[in-house]
Amino acid sequence: MAKCKAKIRNYQLTVSVKLSRGEKIDAGEMDFFARKSIRGLLKAKVIKKNVIEYTGPSGISLSERLKRPFSKYDFFFLMEQIVDLTQKVQANELWMSLVVLNFQNIYMNETTKEIQFIYLPLQNKKSTINFLNFIESIIYSVIPVQDQNAGYLSKFVYFIKGLDGYDADIIEQYIAKEDRSIVNTIKKHNIGQSGFITDKRKDYYEHYHPFGEETTVLMETDETSLLQEDMETGLLNEAGMQDGTEETTLLKETTQTHFPTLHRVLTDEKISINKPVFRIGKEQSYTDYFVNNNSAVSRSHADIVTRGERYFVIDLNSKNRTFINDQALQVQQETEIFDKDRLRLANEEFIFYV
């Protein structure tokens, strides 16, 4: 897999991508892409035979941003940018499968909330990918802000799961119903406009730093290594779903959040239910808690959904059922769970604590 190294200097993010043995740049695709300017994709140029350099607005990796809480607005703002990008990729006759979907290699500017992807024009990589799985993986990684009803996350999950396939227009219609201003903001700021989300560097700095001041995060002499040199760019691989960098003092939480827990009886583990939709199963790549050494548990067995101070369990059509206090749950229906209830996935026992 290709290796990435990112740094920030003079307000600009630079990502160097070194291809691995056997990977080759598609010269025609690279030339076609380099001639375009598509919002949401970092600009690219070939430095060496096996090295591509990408540049764009300064930002942190999406994996770093996901360590911090999201408001409802910020969540749907992120979703709309993803939808808008896929529409532009298709309209410009690029390949969706060449967009790198590793959280470590997607970058967000913390001032504008704009996200940037890497488009990696490799030979023999033009296939289909499941963008719905990518969106789901973000939903399961989001931590909602305190004191805000997180029901919108579970509703959006059910909406995504109900789609027959990825349809950008339908998803955008859903986002517009949640907050029309988000879609309007993304759509109206086209290339060349000034202000919020702009491709013109001069307009960007005049809008956010009208008196020439610089923030301490983006000092001109500052150079920050965002990624380890050996970080890989696998598409939706397991490493992209994990934290790979140390947390700086700028990203530390100042308040403690209480989460309910599960006690796994077999292993005596204490599991924190720290997401609004927390998935349990034996498929390590797509669950929040991986149930190992138990073939009776399904790949994606059950979700625990948090709504304010109430908690619900949903059986995800598992093979061997889900039980609360030995009562079998209806498939794909929410059942409320309470403090000290016994939760059983097939024959795997847990105790739920609030």
Foldseek 3Di string as FASTA:
>chain_A
DWWWWWKAAQQKIKIKIFDDPPWFAPVVLLVLQQVDDAFQAFHWDDDDRGIIMTMDGDFAFQLLVLVDADEPLLLLLVVLLVLVRVVVCVVSVHAPQQWQLQSRQWTADPVLRGIHIYRGRIPPRRDDDAVLLSSLLSLQSHFHDPPDWPVVSVVVNVVSVPDPGDDSVVVVVVSCVVPVVSNVVVVVADEPDADRDYRDPVSPCCRVPVPPDDDPVRDNGDMDTNDDRRDDRDRLDQVSSDDDDDDDPVSDDPDDDDFKWKQFVVVRDTGGPRHQKAWEFQQNSRGNHHDPPDPQTHRGAWIWGDTNPWIWIAGQPGPQAKDWQNHGDDHRDTDTDDAQIWIQGNNTIIGIHD
